[in-house]
Amino acid sequence: MRQMAELVRTNDLSVISAIEGLLAEADIPYTVADRDISTISGSIDAVQARVLVADDDEAEARELLTDAALGDWLRR
């Protein structure tokens, strides 16, 4: 089983959509975890959606998001 790295945690659907588009275009496999439950919890931020990539793809994905001016959303 591959280990996954968390790139972003947010309930901002526009940010998640932009990240999904970039990752898909770059052929970097990703998963958005907790998407459904984060939608239910809404704006209270009790549970946020998490964008995950395989550890092997993390560096490339982080560079991609930074180059697209989405680096401020990256988890440290």
Protein backbone atom coordinates (compact mmCIF):
# COMPACT_ATOMS: atom_id res chain seq x y z
CA MET A 1 0.00 0.00 0.00
CA ARG A 2 1.33 3.42 -0.97
CA GLN A 3 1.73 6.10 1.67
CA MET A 4 -0.15 9.33 1.00
CA ALA A 5 0.97 12.89 1.71
CA GLU A 6 -1.52 15.60 2.61
CA LEU A 7 -1.11 18.65 0.40
CA VAL A 8 -4.09 20.82 1.30
CA ARG A 9 -6.85 20.86 3.91
CA THR A 10 -9.78 23.19 3.22
CA ASN A 11 -13.51 23.45 2.66
CA ASP A 12 -13.03 26.03 -0.12
CA LEU A 13 -14.53 24.21 -3.10
CA SER A 14 -12.96 26.58 -5.63
CA VAL A 15 -9.47 25.86 -4.29
CA ILE A 16 -10.09 22.11 -4.31
CA SER A 17 -11.42 22.31 -7.86
CA ALA A 18 -8.40 24.29 -9.06
CA ILE A 19 -6.00 21.83 -7.41
CA GLU A 20 -7.84 18.85 -8.89
CA GLY A 21 -7.55 20.40 -12.36
CA LEU A 22 -3.84 21.04 -12.01
CA LEU A 23 -3.07 17.58 -10.65
CA ALA A 24 -5.18 15.86 -13.31
CA GLU A 25 -3.54 17.87 -16.09
CA ALA A 26 -0.11 16.93 -14.74
CA ASP A 27 -1.13 13.24 -14.53
CA ILE A 28 -0.51 13.18 -10.78
CA PRO A 29 -2.94 10.75 -9.12
CA TYR A 30 -4.73 12.25 -6.13
CA THR A 31 -7.53 11.64 -3.69
CA VAL A 32 -9.83 14.14 -2.00
CA ALA A 33 -10.55 12.62 1.40
CA ASP A 34 -13.50 13.65 3.57
CA ARG A 35 -15.12 15.60 0.73
CA ASP A 36 -18.63 14.41 1.57
CA ILE A 37 -18.44 14.92 5.32
CA SER A 38 -16.79 18.35 4.91
CA THR A 39 -19.73 19.43 2.75
CA ILE A 40 -22.15 18.34 5.47
CA SER A 41 -20.23 20.19 8.19
CA GLY A 42 -20.20 23.30 5.99
CA SER A 43 -18.59 26.47 7.20
CA ILE A 44 -17.91 25.36 10.77
CA ASP A 45 -14.68 23.68 9.62
CA ALA A 46 -15.23 20.72 11.95
CA VAL A 47 -14.01 18.44 9.15
CA GLN A 48 -12.14 19.73 6.15
CA ALA A 49 -11.55 18.00 2.83
CA ARG A 50 -7.96 16.87 2.32
CA VAL A 51 -6.13 16.62 -0.99
CA LEU A 52 -3.72 13.68 -0.87
CA VAL A 53 -1.06 12.43 -3.28
CA ALA A 54 1.32 9.48 -3.10
CA ASP A 55 4.52 10.23 -1.21
CA ASP A 56 6.43 9.65 -4.44
CA ASP A 57 4.49 12.48 -6.13
CA GLU A 58 4.53 14.95 -3.25
CA ALA A 59 7.52 17.07 -4.33
CA GLU A 60 6.23 17.42 -7.90
CA ALA A 61 2.71 18.25 -6.69
CA ARG A 62 3.98 20.87 -4.24
CA GLU A 63 6.07 22.51 -6.95
CA LEU A 64 3.08 22.48 -9.32
CA LEU A 65 0.82 24.20 -6.77
CA THR A 66 3.50 26.71 -5.82
CA ASP A 67 4.07 27.60 -9.48
CA ALA A 68 0.29 28.08 -9.87
CA ALA A 69 0.24 30.59 -6.97
CA LEU A 70 -1.53 28.10 -4.68
CA GLY A 71 1.46 27.56 -2.41
CA ASP A 72 -0.17 29.41 0.47
CA TRP A 73 -2.71 26.57 0.71
CA LEU A 74 -0.07 23.87 1.15
CA ARG A 75 0.16 22.09 4.51
CA ARG A 76 3.58 22.28 6.08
